[in-house]
Amino acid sequence: MNLPNILTTIRFLLVPLFIYIFFHEGESNIIYATYIFILAGITDVLDGYIARKYNLITKWGQAMDPLADKLMLITVLICFTIKDFLPIWVIIIVGLKEILMILGGLFLYYKKDKIVIPANKFGKMATVIFYIAILYMAFGMPYSIILISFAIIFALFALIKYMQYFRKLQKDTSI
């Protein structure tokens, strides 16, 4: 297992730690949980950078890296929804989008030659905006719900682009 894949694995392990800290009793639990979220974001950036720079890209990493990202993001959004920081519609929209993405990704991976669709610019932008919005929310800054709304718009554009790519693959490979 190479370093980028180890970083992805660490990100998976940060998910239950985030949940534990987030719901732990204490004044600063949400702030500490947010630091874990930031650490997860740093590992995401690092694993992608290292994998590309040193040609350490693997099929496992291509599949598990976005899964770790989705798991962390959905976990954070669910936790913030449970604590009433976010309205329920946010997790419904993002959850449905992510379920569609995961199902489509699994279909392509297992149906035809282990195809992995790479992240697109809208998905990457949505992730960055979600991270900023969560930081705004955790630290009580204004406009966090506006940022969340922008992130959702970018996430939906990403979904549309992924669906277009999926259709193109269907035509090209007769899936």
N, C-alpha and C. Protein backbone atom coordinates (compact mmCIF):
# COMPACT_ATOMS: atom_id res chain seq x y z
N MET A 1 0.86 -1.18 0.00
CA MET A 1 0.00 0.00 0.00
C MET A 1 0.90 1.24 0.00
N ASN A 2 0.65 2.13 -0.95
CA ASN A 2 1.48 3.33 -1.06
C ASN A 2 0.94 4.46 -0.15
N LEU A 3 1.70 5.55 -0.08
CA LEU A 3 1.35 6.66 0.82
C LEU A 3 -0.01 7.29 0.51
N PRO A 4 -0.35 7.57 -0.75
CA PRO A 4 -1.68 8.13 -1.00
C PRO A 4 -2.81 7.21 -0.50
N ASN A 5 -2.65 5.90 -0.69
CA ASN A 5 -3.67 4.97 -0.22
C ASN A 5 -3.73 4.91 1.31
N ILE A 6 -2.59 5.06 1.96
CA ILE A 6 -2.56 5.12 3.43
C ILE A 6 -3.32 6.36 3.90
N LEU A 7 -3.10 7.50 3.22
CA LEU A 7 -3.81 8.73 3.57
C LEU A 7 -5.32 8.58 3.38
N THR A 8 -5.72 7.89 2.32
CA THR A 8 -7.14 7.63 2.10
C THR A 8 -7.70 6.75 3.23
N THR A 9 -6.94 5.75 3.63
CA THR A 9 -7.36 4.87 4.73
C THR A 9 -7.50 5.67 6.02
N ILE A 10 -6.57 6.57 6.27
CA ILE A 10 -6.66 7.43 7.46
C ILE A 10 -7.95 8.25 7.41
N ARG A 11 -8.31 8.72 6.22
CA ARG A 11 -9.54 9.51 6.08
C ARG A 11 -10.77 8.68 6.46
N PHE A 12 -10.77 7.42 6.06
CA PHE A 12 -11.86 6.52 6.49
C PHE A 12 -11.91 6.42 8.01
N LEU A 13 -10.75 6.33 8.64
CA LEU A 13 -10.69 6.20 10.10
C LEU A 13 -11.08 7.49 10.82
N LEU A 14 -10.94 8.61 10.16
CA LEU A 14 -11.31 9.89 10.76
C LEU A 14 -12.83 10.05 10.87
N VAL A 15 -13.59 9.31 10.07
CA VAL A 15 -15.05 9.43 10.09
C VAL A 15 -15.63 9.07 11.46
N PRO A 16 -15.34 7.87 12.00
CA PRO A 16 -15.90 7.56 13.33
C PRO A 16 -15.33 8.47 14.42
N LEU A 17 -14.10 8.91 14.26
CA LEU A 17 -13.52 9.84 15.24
C LEU A 17 -14.28 11.16 15.22
N PHE A 18 -14.59 11.64 14.01
CA PHE A 18 -15.38 12.87 13.89
C PHE A 18 -16.72 12.72 14.63
N ILE A 19 -17.42 11.61 14.38
CA ILE A 19 -18.73 11.37 15.02
C ILE A 19 -18.59 11.37 16.53
N TYR A 20 -17.60 10.64 17.03
CA TYR A 20 -17.39 10.54 18.47
C TYR A 20 -17.16 11.92 19.09
N ILE A 21 -16.26 12.68 18.50
CA ILE A 21 -15.95 14.01 19.04
C ILE A 21 -17.14 14.96 18.89
N PHE A 22 -17.81 14.91 17.75
CA PHE A 22 -18.93 15.81 17.48
C PHE A 22 -20.03 15.66 18.54
N PHE A 23 -20.34 14.42 18.90
CA PHE A 23 -21.43 14.18 19.85
C PHE A 23 -20.96 14.04 21.29
N HIS A 24 -19.67 14.17 21.53
CA HIS A 24 -19.13 14.10 22.89
C HIS A 24 -19.54 15.35 23.66
N GLU A 25 -19.81 15.18 24.93
CA GLU A 25 -20.18 16.33 25.77
C GLU A 25 -18.99 17.27 25.93
N GLY A 26 -19.25 18.53 25.86
CA GLY A 26 -18.20 19.52 26.07
C GLY A 26 -18.48 20.78 25.29
N GLU A 27 -17.87 21.85 25.73
CA GLU A 27 -18.08 23.15 25.09
C GLU A 27 -17.53 23.22 23.67
N SER A 28 -16.39 22.63 23.45
CA SER A 28 -15.69 22.80 22.18
C SER A 28 -15.77 21.56 21.29
N ASN A 29 -16.70 20.66 21.55
CA ASN A 29 -16.74 19.42 20.79
C ASN A 29 -16.92 19.65 19.29
N ILE A 30 -17.75 20.59 18.91
CA ILE A 30 -17.98 20.83 17.48
C ILE A 30 -16.74 21.45 16.84
N ILE A 31 -16.05 22.31 17.56
CA ILE A 31 -14.82 22.90 17.04
C ILE A 31 -13.76 21.81 16.85
N TYR A 32 -13.60 20.94 17.85
CA TYR A 32 -12.62 19.85 17.73
C TYR A 32 -12.99 18.91 16.58
N ALA A 33 -14.27 18.61 16.45
CA ALA A 33 -14.72 17.76 15.35
C ALA A 33 -14.43 18.44 14.01
N THR A 34 -14.58 19.75 13.97
CA THR A 34 -14.29 20.50 12.75
C THR A 34 -12.81 20.42 12.40
N TYR A 35 -11.95 20.42 13.40
CA TYR A 35 -10.52 20.24 13.14
C TYR A 35 -10.25 18.87 12.51
N ILE A 36 -10.98 17.87 12.94
CA ILE A 36 -10.85 16.54 12.34
C ILE A 36 -11.30 16.59 10.88
N PHE A 37 -12.38 17.31 10.63
CA PHE A 37 -12.87 17.50 9.26
C PHE A 37 -11.81 18.20 8.41
N ILE A 38 -11.16 19.21 8.97
CA ILE A 38 -10.09 19.92 8.26
C ILE A 38 -8.93 18.97 7.97
N LEU A 39 -8.57 18.15 8.96
CA LEU A 39 -7.51 17.16 8.77
C LEU A 39 -7.86 16.19 7.64
N ALA A 40 -9.11 15.79 7.58
CA ALA A 40 -9.56 14.91 6.49
C ALA A 40 -9.38 15.62 5.15
N GLY A 41 -9.72 16.90 5.09
CA GLY A 41 -9.53 17.67 3.85
C GLY A 41 -8.07 17.77 3.46
N ILE A 42 -7.21 17.95 4.44
CA ILE A 42 -5.77 18.02 4.17
C ILE A 42 -5.26 16.69 3.62
N THR A 43 -5.70 15.58 4.23
CA THR A 43 -5.27 14.27 3.72
C THR A 43 -5.78 14.04 2.30
N ASP A 44 -6.96 14.57 1.99
CA ASP A 44 -7.51 14.43 0.64
C ASP A 44 -6.63 15.16 -0.37
N VAL A 45 -6.28 16.39 -0.05
CA VAL A 45 -5.43 17.18 -0.95
C VAL A 45 -4.06 16.51 -1.10
N LEU A 46 -3.49 16.10 0.03
CA LEU A 46 -2.16 15.48 0.00
C LEU A 46 -2.14 14.18 -0.80
N ASP A 47 -3.14 13.31 -0.57
CA ASP A 47 -3.08 12.03 -1.28
C ASP A 47 -3.20 12.22 -2.79
N GLY A 48 -4.05 13.15 -3.21
CA GLY A 48 -4.17 13.42 -4.64
C GLY A 48 -2.90 14.01 -5.23
N TYR A 49 -2.31 14.95 -4.51
CA TYR A 49 -1.08 15.59 -4.97
C TYR A 49 0.07 14.57 -5.07
N ILE A 50 0.25 13.79 -4.02
CA ILE A 50 1.34 12.81 -4.00
C ILE A 50 1.12 11.74 -5.08
N ALA A 51 -0.11 11.28 -5.22
CA ALA A 51 -0.40 10.25 -6.22
C ALA A 51 -0.07 10.73 -7.63
N ARG A 52 -0.45 11.97 -7.93
CA ARG A 52 -0.19 12.49 -9.28
C ARG A 52 1.29 12.83 -9.48
N LYS A 53 1.88 13.49 -8.50
CA LYS A 53 3.28 13.93 -8.64
C LYS A 53 4.24 12.75 -8.77
N TYR A 54 4.01 11.70 -8.00
CA TYR A 54 4.94 10.57 -7.99
C TYR A 54 4.39 9.34 -8.73
N ASN A 55 3.37 9.56 -9.54
CA ASN A 55 2.77 8.49 -10.34
C ASN A 55 2.41 7.27 -9.47
N LEU A 56 1.72 7.52 -8.39
CA LEU A 56 1.31 6.46 -7.47
C LEU A 56 -0.20 6.22 -7.54
N ILE A 57 -0.77 6.49 -8.70
CA ILE A 57 -2.21 6.33 -8.88
C ILE A 57 -2.53 4.85 -9.02
N THR A 58 -3.50 4.39 -8.24
CA THR A 58 -3.93 2.99 -8.29
C THR A 58 -5.44 2.94 -8.51
N LYS A 59 -5.92 1.82 -9.01
CA LYS A 59 -7.37 1.63 -9.16
C LYS A 59 -8.04 1.73 -7.79
N TRP A 60 -7.41 1.13 -6.78
CA TRP A 60 -7.97 1.17 -5.42
C TRP A 60 -8.12 2.63 -4.97
N GLY A 61 -7.06 3.41 -5.18
CA GLY A 61 -7.09 4.81 -4.78
C GLY A 61 -8.13 5.61 -5.55
N GLN A 62 -8.24 5.33 -6.86
CA GLN A 62 -9.23 6.04 -7.67
C GLN A 62 -10.65 5.74 -7.20
N ALA A 63 -10.88 4.54 -6.70
CA ALA A 63 -12.22 4.17 -6.24
C ALA A 63 -12.45 4.59 -4.79
N MET A 64 -11.45 4.38 -3.93
CA MET A 64 -11.64 4.61 -2.49
C MET A 64 -11.50 6.07 -2.08
N ASP A 65 -10.67 6.83 -2.79
CA ASP A 65 -10.49 8.25 -2.43
C ASP A 65 -11.82 9.01 -2.49
N PRO A 66 -12.57 8.94 -3.60
CA PRO A 66 -13.85 9.66 -3.61
C PRO A 66 -14.86 9.07 -2.63
N LEU A 67 -14.77 7.75 -2.38
CA LEU A 67 -15.68 7.14 -1.42
C LEU A 67 -15.40 7.67 -0.01
N ALA A 68 -14.12 7.80 0.33
CA ALA A 68 -13.75 8.37 1.64
C ALA A 68 -14.25 9.80 1.75
N ASP A 69 -14.10 10.56 0.67
CA ASP A 69 -14.58 11.95 0.67
C ASP A 69 -16.09 12.02 0.88
N LYS A 70 -16.81 11.19 0.14
CA LYS A 70 -18.27 11.18 0.24
C LYS A 70 -18.71 10.77 1.65
N LEU A 71 -18.05 9.75 2.18
CA LEU A 71 -18.41 9.27 3.51
C LEU A 71 -18.18 10.36 4.56
N MET A 72 -17.06 11.05 4.47
CA MET A 72 -16.78 12.13 5.43
C MET A 72 -17.79 13.26 5.27
N LEU A 73 -18.03 13.68 4.04
CA LEU A 73 -18.95 14.79 3.80
C LEU A 73 -20.37 14.46 4.26
N ILE A 74 -20.86 13.29 3.89
CA ILE A 74 -22.21 12.89 4.30
C ILE A 74 -22.30 12.80 5.81
N THR A 75 -21.27 12.25 6.45
CA THR A 75 -21.24 12.15 7.91
C THR A 75 -21.33 13.53 8.55
N VAL A 76 -20.53 14.46 8.06
CA VAL A 76 -20.54 15.82 8.61
C VAL A 76 -21.91 16.46 8.41
N LEU A 77 -22.46 16.33 7.21
CA LEU A 77 -23.77 16.94 6.95
C LEU A 77 -24.87 16.32 7.82
N ILE A 78 -24.82 15.01 7.99
CA ILE A 78 -25.81 14.35 8.87
C ILE A 78 -25.66 14.85 10.30
N CYS A 79 -24.44 14.90 10.79
CA CYS A 79 -24.21 15.37 12.16
C CYS A 79 -24.70 16.80 12.35
N PHE A 80 -24.40 17.67 11.39
CA PHE A 80 -24.84 19.06 11.49
C PHE A 80 -26.37 19.17 11.37
N THR A 81 -26.97 18.26 10.62
CA THR A 81 -28.44 18.24 10.51
C THR A 81 -29.05 17.77 11.83
N ILE A 82 -28.48 16.73 12.43
CA ILE A 82 -28.99 16.23 13.72
C ILE A 82 -28.95 17.31 14.78
N LYS A 83 -27.90 18.12 14.77
CA LYS A 83 -27.76 19.20 15.75
C LYS A 83 -28.50 20.49 15.33
N ASP A 84 -29.29 20.42 14.26
CA ASP A 84 -30.09 21.54 13.75
C ASP A 84 -29.27 22.74 13.27
N PHE A 85 -28.05 22.49 12.82
CA PHE A 85 -27.28 23.54 12.17
C PHE A 85 -27.66 23.67 10.71
N LEU A 86 -28.14 22.56 10.14
CA LEU A 86 -28.53 22.51 8.73
C LEU A 86 -29.98 22.06 8.61
N PRO A 87 -30.69 22.58 7.62
CA PRO A 87 -32.05 22.08 7.37
C PRO A 87 -31.98 20.69 6.73
N ILE A 88 -33.01 19.91 6.93
CA ILE A 88 -33.06 18.54 6.45
C ILE A 88 -32.95 18.44 4.93
N TRP A 89 -33.42 19.45 4.19
CA TRP A 89 -33.38 19.37 2.74
C TRP A 89 -31.96 19.26 2.20
N VAL A 90 -30.99 19.78 2.94
CA VAL A 90 -29.60 19.71 2.48
C VAL A 90 -29.15 18.26 2.41
N ILE A 91 -29.38 17.51 3.48
CA ILE A 91 -28.91 16.12 3.50
C ILE A 91 -29.73 15.25 2.54
N ILE A 92 -30.99 15.59 2.34
CA ILE A 92 -31.81 14.83 1.38
C ILE A 92 -31.25 14.98 -0.03
N ILE A 93 -30.99 16.22 -0.45
CA ILE A 93 -30.48 16.46 -1.80
C ILE A 93 -29.08 15.85 -1.97
N VAL A 94 -28.20 16.15 -1.04
CA VAL A 94 -26.83 15.64 -1.15
C VAL A 94 -26.82 14.12 -1.03
N GLY A 95 -27.62 13.59 -0.12
CA GLY A 95 -27.69 12.14 0.06
C GLY A 95 -28.15 11.43 -1.20
N LEU A 96 -29.21 11.93 -1.82
CA LEU A 96 -29.71 11.32 -3.06
C LEU A 96 -28.66 11.41 -4.17
N LYS A 97 -28.03 12.56 -4.27
CA LYS A 97 -26.98 12.74 -5.30
C LYS A 97 -25.85 11.75 -5.07
N GLU A 98 -25.41 11.61 -3.83
CA GLU A 98 -24.29 10.70 -3.54
C GLU A 98 -24.68 9.24 -3.74
N ILE A 99 -25.91 8.88 -3.39
CA ILE A 99 -26.37 7.50 -3.63
C ILE A 99 -26.35 7.20 -5.12
N LEU A 100 -26.84 8.13 -5.93
CA LEU A 100 -26.80 7.94 -7.38
C LEU A 100 -25.37 7.80 -7.89
N MET A 101 -24.48 8.62 -7.36
CA MET A 101 -23.08 8.57 -7.77
C MET A 101 -22.43 7.24 -7.38
N ILE A 102 -22.69 6.79 -6.17
CA ILE A 102 -22.10 5.54 -5.70
C ILE A 102 -22.64 4.36 -6.50
N LEU A 103 -23.95 4.33 -6.71
CA LEU A 103 -24.53 3.23 -7.49
C LEU A 103 -24.00 3.21 -8.92
N GLY A 104 -23.94 4.38 -9.53
CA GLY A 104 -23.38 4.46 -10.89
C GLY A 104 -21.92 4.04 -10.93
N GLY A 105 -21.15 4.48 -9.93
CA GLY A 105 -19.74 4.10 -9.87
C GLY A 105 -19.55 2.61 -9.67
N LEU A 106 -20.35 2.02 -8.79
CA LEU A 106 -20.27 0.57 -8.56
C LEU A 106 -20.66 -0.20 -9.82
N PHE A 107 -21.69 0.29 -10.50
CA PHE A 107 -22.13 -0.36 -11.73
C PHE A 107 -21.00 -0.38 -12.75
N LEU A 108 -20.38 0.76 -12.97
CA LEU A 108 -19.30 0.83 -13.95
C LEU A 108 -18.09 0.00 -13.52
N TYR A 109 -17.79 0.02 -12.25
CA TYR A 109 -16.62 -0.69 -11.76
C TYR A 109 -16.78 -2.20 -11.92
N TYR A 110 -17.96 -2.72 -11.58
CA TYR A 110 -18.16 -4.17 -11.61
C TYR A 110 -18.74 -4.68 -12.92
N LYS A 111 -19.37 -3.84 -13.69
CA LYS A 111 -20.02 -4.28 -14.93
C LYS A 111 -19.04 -4.31 -16.11
N LYS A 112 -18.15 -3.34 -16.16
CA LYS A 112 -17.32 -3.23 -17.36
C LYS A 112 -15.89 -2.82 -17.02
N ASP A 113 -15.01 -3.75 -17.01
CA ASP A 113 -13.56 -3.50 -16.93
C ASP A 113 -13.12 -2.55 -15.82
N LYS A 114 -13.79 -2.57 -14.71
CA LYS A 114 -13.40 -1.76 -13.54
C LYS A 114 -13.19 -0.29 -13.90
N ILE A 115 -14.14 0.27 -14.64
CA ILE A 115 -14.08 1.68 -15.04
C ILE A 115 -14.33 2.55 -13.80
N VAL A 116 -13.46 3.53 -13.61
CA VAL A 116 -13.62 4.51 -12.54
C VAL A 116 -13.70 5.88 -13.18
N ILE A 117 -14.79 6.59 -12.93
CA ILE A 117 -14.94 7.93 -13.49
C ILE A 117 -14.21 8.91 -12.58
N PRO A 118 -13.28 9.67 -13.13
CA PRO A 118 -12.55 10.64 -12.31
C PRO A 118 -13.44 11.81 -11.90
N ALA A 119 -13.04 12.47 -10.83
CA ALA A 119 -13.78 13.64 -10.36
C ALA A 119 -13.76 14.73 -11.43
N ASN A 120 -14.85 15.47 -11.51
CA ASN A 120 -14.87 16.58 -12.45
C ASN A 120 -14.75 17.90 -11.69
N LYS A 121 -14.56 18.98 -12.44
CA LYS A 121 -14.31 20.27 -11.80
C LYS A 121 -15.48 20.74 -10.94
N PHE A 122 -16.71 20.40 -11.35
CA PHE A 122 -17.87 20.82 -10.55
C PHE A 122 -17.90 20.07 -9.21
N GLY A 123 -17.56 18.80 -9.25
CA GLY A 123 -17.50 18.01 -8.02
C GLY A 123 -16.42 18.52 -7.08
N LYS A 124 -15.27 18.87 -7.65
CA LYS A 124 -14.18 19.40 -6.83
C LYS A 124 -14.57 20.76 -6.23
N MET A 125 -15.19 21.60 -7.05
CA MET A 125 -15.63 22.91 -6.54
C MET A 125 -16.69 22.74 -5.45
N ALA A 126 -17.61 21.81 -5.64
CA ALA A 126 -18.64 21.56 -4.63
C ALA A 126 -17.99 21.14 -3.31
N THR A 127 -16.99 20.28 -3.39
CA THR A 127 -16.30 19.83 -2.18
C THR A 127 -15.64 21.00 -1.47
N VAL A 128 -14.93 21.83 -2.22
CA VAL A 128 -14.26 22.99 -1.61
C VAL A 128 -15.29 23.92 -0.96
N ILE A 129 -16.39 24.18 -1.64
CA ILE A 129 -17.42 25.08 -1.09
C ILE A 129 -18.08 24.44 0.13
N PHE A 130 -18.32 23.13 0.10
CA PHE A 130 -18.87 22.46 1.28
C PHE A 130 -17.92 22.61 2.47
N TYR A 131 -16.64 22.42 2.24
CA TYR A 131 -15.66 22.57 3.33
C TYR A 131 -15.71 23.99 3.91
N ILE A 132 -15.73 24.97 3.04
CA ILE A 132 -15.79 26.37 3.51
C ILE A 132 -17.08 26.62 4.27
N ALA A 133 -18.20 26.13 3.73
CA ALA A 133 -19.50 26.33 4.39
C ALA A 133 -19.55 25.68 5.77
N ILE A 134 -18.99 24.48 5.88
CA ILE A 134 -18.97 23.79 7.18
C ILE A 134 -18.10 24.57 8.16
N LEU A 135 -16.99 25.10 7.70
CA LEU A 135 -16.15 25.92 8.58
C LEU A 135 -16.91 27.16 9.03
N TYR A 136 -17.59 27.82 8.10
CA TYR A 136 -18.40 28.98 8.46
C TYR A 136 -19.43 28.61 9.52
N MET A 137 -20.09 27.48 9.30
CA MET A 137 -21.13 27.03 10.21
C MET A 137 -20.57 26.70 11.59
N ALA A 138 -19.48 25.94 11.61
CA ALA A 138 -18.89 25.51 12.89
C ALA A 138 -18.39 26.68 13.71
N PHE A 139 -17.90 27.70 13.04
CA PHE A 139 -17.35 28.85 13.75
C PHE A 139 -18.35 30.01 13.87
N GLY A 140 -19.62 29.73 13.53
CA GLY A 140 -20.68 30.71 13.71
C GLY A 140 -20.59 31.93 12.82
N MET A 141 -20.03 31.78 11.66
CA MET A 141 -19.88 32.90 10.74
C MET A 141 -21.14 33.03 9.88
N PRO A 142 -21.43 34.22 9.39
CA PRO A 142 -22.63 34.41 8.58
C PRO A 142 -22.49 33.80 7.19
N TYR A 143 -23.63 33.65 6.53
CA TYR A 143 -23.73 33.22 5.13
C TYR A 143 -23.42 31.74 4.90
N SER A 144 -23.35 30.96 5.95
CA SER A 144 -23.02 29.54 5.77
C SER A 144 -24.09 28.82 4.94
N ILE A 145 -25.36 29.14 5.15
CA ILE A 145 -26.41 28.46 4.39
C ILE A 145 -26.38 28.86 2.91
N ILE A 146 -25.95 30.08 2.63
CA ILE A 146 -25.79 30.51 1.24
C ILE A 146 -24.66 29.71 0.58
N LEU A 147 -23.57 29.53 1.32
CA LEU A 147 -22.46 28.73 0.81
C LEU A 147 -22.88 27.28 0.59
N ILE A 148 -23.66 26.74 1.53
CA ILE A 148 -24.17 25.37 1.37
C ILE A 148 -25.02 25.28 0.10
N SER A 149 -25.85 26.29 -0.14
CA SER A 149 -26.69 26.30 -1.34
C SER A 149 -25.84 26.30 -2.61
N PHE A 150 -24.77 27.12 -2.62
CA PHE A 150 -23.86 27.13 -3.77
C PHE A 150 -23.20 25.77 -3.95
N ALA A 151 -22.79 25.15 -2.85
CA ALA A 151 -22.16 23.83 -2.92
C ALA A 151 -23.12 22.81 -3.52
N ILE A 152 -24.38 22.88 -3.13
CA ILE A 152 -25.38 21.96 -3.66
C ILE A 152 -25.56 22.18 -5.16
N ILE A 153 -25.59 23.42 -5.59
CA ILE A 153 -25.72 23.72 -7.02
C ILE A 153 -24.54 23.12 -7.80
N PHE A 154 -23.33 23.31 -7.29
CA PHE A 154 -22.16 22.74 -7.96
C PHE A 154 -22.21 21.21 -7.94
N ALA A 155 -22.67 20.63 -6.82
CA ALA A 155 -22.79 19.17 -6.73
C ALA A 155 -23.79 18.64 -7.75
N LEU A 156 -24.89 19.36 -7.95
CA LEU A 156 -25.87 18.92 -8.93
C LEU A 156 -25.34 19.06 -10.36
N PHE A 157 -24.57 20.12 -10.62
CA PHE A 157 -23.91 20.24 -11.93
C PHE A 157 -22.95 19.08 -12.14
N ALA A 158 -22.22 18.71 -11.08
CA ALA A 158 -21.30 17.57 -11.17
C ALA A 158 -22.07 16.30 -11.51
N LEU A 159 -23.20 16.09 -10.85
CA LEU A 159 -24.02 14.92 -11.12
C LEU A 159 -24.45 14.89 -12.59
N ILE A 160 -24.87 16.03 -13.11
CA ILE A 160 -25.28 16.10 -14.53
C ILE A 160 -24.11 15.72 -15.43
N LYS A 161 -22.93 16.24 -15.14
CA LYS A 161 -21.75 15.93 -15.95
C LYS A 161 -21.41 14.44 -15.86
N TYR A 162 -21.50 13.87 -14.65
CA TYR A 162 -21.24 12.44 -14.49
C TYR A 162 -22.25 11.62 -15.28
N MET A 163 -23.51 12.04 -15.26
CA MET A 163 -24.55 11.32 -16.00
C MET A 163 -24.28 11.39 -17.51
N GLN A 164 -23.84 12.54 -17.99
CA GLN A 164 -23.50 12.67 -19.41
C GLN A 164 -22.34 11.75 -19.77
N TYR A 165 -21.35 11.68 -18.90
CA TYR A 165 -20.19 10.82 -19.12
C TYR A 165 -20.62 9.35 -19.12
N PHE A 166 -21.49 9.00 -18.17
CA PHE A 166 -22.02 7.64 -18.07
C PHE A 166 -22.74 7.25 -19.35
N ARG A 167 -23.58 8.15 -19.86
CA ARG A 167 -24.29 7.88 -21.13
C ARG A 167 -23.33 7.70 -22.29
N LYS A 168 -22.30 8.52 -22.32
CA LYS A 168 -21.29 8.39 -23.38
C LYS A 168 -20.62 7.03 -23.28
N LEU A 169 -20.27 6.60 -22.07
CA LEU A 169 -19.67 5.28 -21.89
C LEU A 169 -20.62 4.17 -22.33
N GLN A 170 -21.91 4.35 -22.05
CA GLN A 170 -22.89 3.36 -22.47
C GLN A 170 -22.88 3.21 -23.99
N LYS A 171 -22.86 4.34 -24.69
CA LYS A 171 -22.85 4.31 -26.16
C LYS A 171 -21.56 3.70 -26.68
N ASP A 172 -20.42 4.12 -26.08
CA ASP A 172 -19.13 3.68 -26.56
C ASP A 172 -18.81 2.22 -26.26
N THR A 173 -19.34 1.70 -25.15
CA THR A 173 -18.97 0.35 -24.74
C THR A 173 -20.14 -0.61 -24.71
N SER A 174 -21.31 -0.14 -25.09
CA SER A 174 -22.53 -0.98 -25.10
C SER A 174 -22.77 -1.63 -23.74
N ILE A 175 -22.75 -0.83 -22.69
CA ILE A 175 -23.01 -1.34 -21.33
C ILE A 175 -24.47 -1.68 -21.21
